[in-house]
Amino acid sequence: AKVIFSQVQAIRKEPCPYCPENDKQSDPAEDNFPRPVQPVQLPVFPWVQRSSLINPRDISAAHITKSHRKLLLKSTPLVQQRNVDPPGQIKENPERLTQVQQSRQRLMREVCAKYTSGSTKQTITRMHVSRIFVEDKHKLLYCEVPKAGCSNWKRVLMVLQGLASSTGEIQHDEVHYGNHLKRLDSFDQKGIIRRLKTYTKVLFLREPFERLVSAFRDKFESPNSYYHPVFGKPIISKYRSNATQYALRTGAGVTFKEFIQYLLDVHRPVGMDIHWEPVGHLCSPCLLDYDFIGKFETLEEEANFLLRSIGAPSNLTFPSFKDRNPNAERTSLDITRRYFAQLNVTERQRAYDFYYMDYLMFNYSKPFKDLY
């Protein structure tokens, strides 16, 4: 029988953990985490040849420079081949999918090891796990990366949890505002550490520029009662000369160039947002060492492979429908290039530097030939 959800809760504006007003160190007494956290022994997943957990400091894309890139790329070559797993080559091929996972994990660990060489161990705090959803029945931890299939992943988690019989019956507001799923930071210290040790940790991501353009189109080109006033108004006020009173009052009509100016400004007029936060910061991959690294470009094949691997019901498959603005064309590489063509070479380079660790760690090719 179809599960009837409780009434959708009022939309809550959660504080942004990356905004300047919230940019402070967590209180060890509040977290109640052991100091320091010892490397955890992770579960043996079929495609993982387990190594010791790397416990480095967070990757901060704001500090990536040309000299950092040279340091990362010198000495032992990284185990990467650019875009070796494009869509269409891994469908219904478990052996190929397993090899892809092994390759992605080796690359992620090598990049983490190179970037954090000589650094001290870092403590896992509640902020590091605040974007991770928990599904206890199948022992699954999923880190939410917006604009990389996260809405449909939440639907899958709700079905796995027994809250609905199919993903198709779960509406958008129930996914995002129903508050049906637990986050890892809602558990006590023992519960968090136990789940990190024994559950399958999953991360799905997307080509960084494409994810950025998708977020811009969704939040600024479509009507939005939150992003236009909260982000649009200060962006237009700071970066647009001779702005109209209507634009200043509503925040509507932010251009992509203005959005990039905001993104790259060290003195942003408004804080960061999870929809364009780099994955290295959102999900702390070096610290948490994910068991499965999936990509939006091969989302359905890899998600279904994972679901079969964790023992999900045989009739549960990853949904293919578009969650928001279903009639709008899905952001593609061609669309992404059209948006970035509005920028000059310096702006494109700085945007690439901003997401450089995501490009390097997750094996995405440079989106423009003139980037270094």
Foldseek 3Di string as FASTA:
>chain_A
DWFDADDFDDDDDDDDCFWPVNPDDDDCVVQVADVADDFFAADDAPLDPDDTAFFFDFDALLPFDPVLVVQLCPDDHALFDFPPDFPPPCFPPLVVQSVVFHSLLSLLQSSLCSNRPPGDGDHDGLQLQQQWWAQPVLLEIEGDQPLQQRLLVLLLSCCSNVNGVASVVQASSCSNRVPPIDTLSVDHNVSNSVSLRYGAYEYEEEDQLLLVVQVCCVQAVDDDPPCQVQPLLQLCVPPPPPDDPVCNVGSHDDALVSVLVQVLDPPHPIGDDSSNQAPSSRNVCSNSVGSGYHYSSHPQRRQQSVCVSSPHPPPYGRDDQDRPPRVDDRRDLVNSVVRCVVDDPVSLQSVCSSRVCVCSSRNHDDSDPPHD
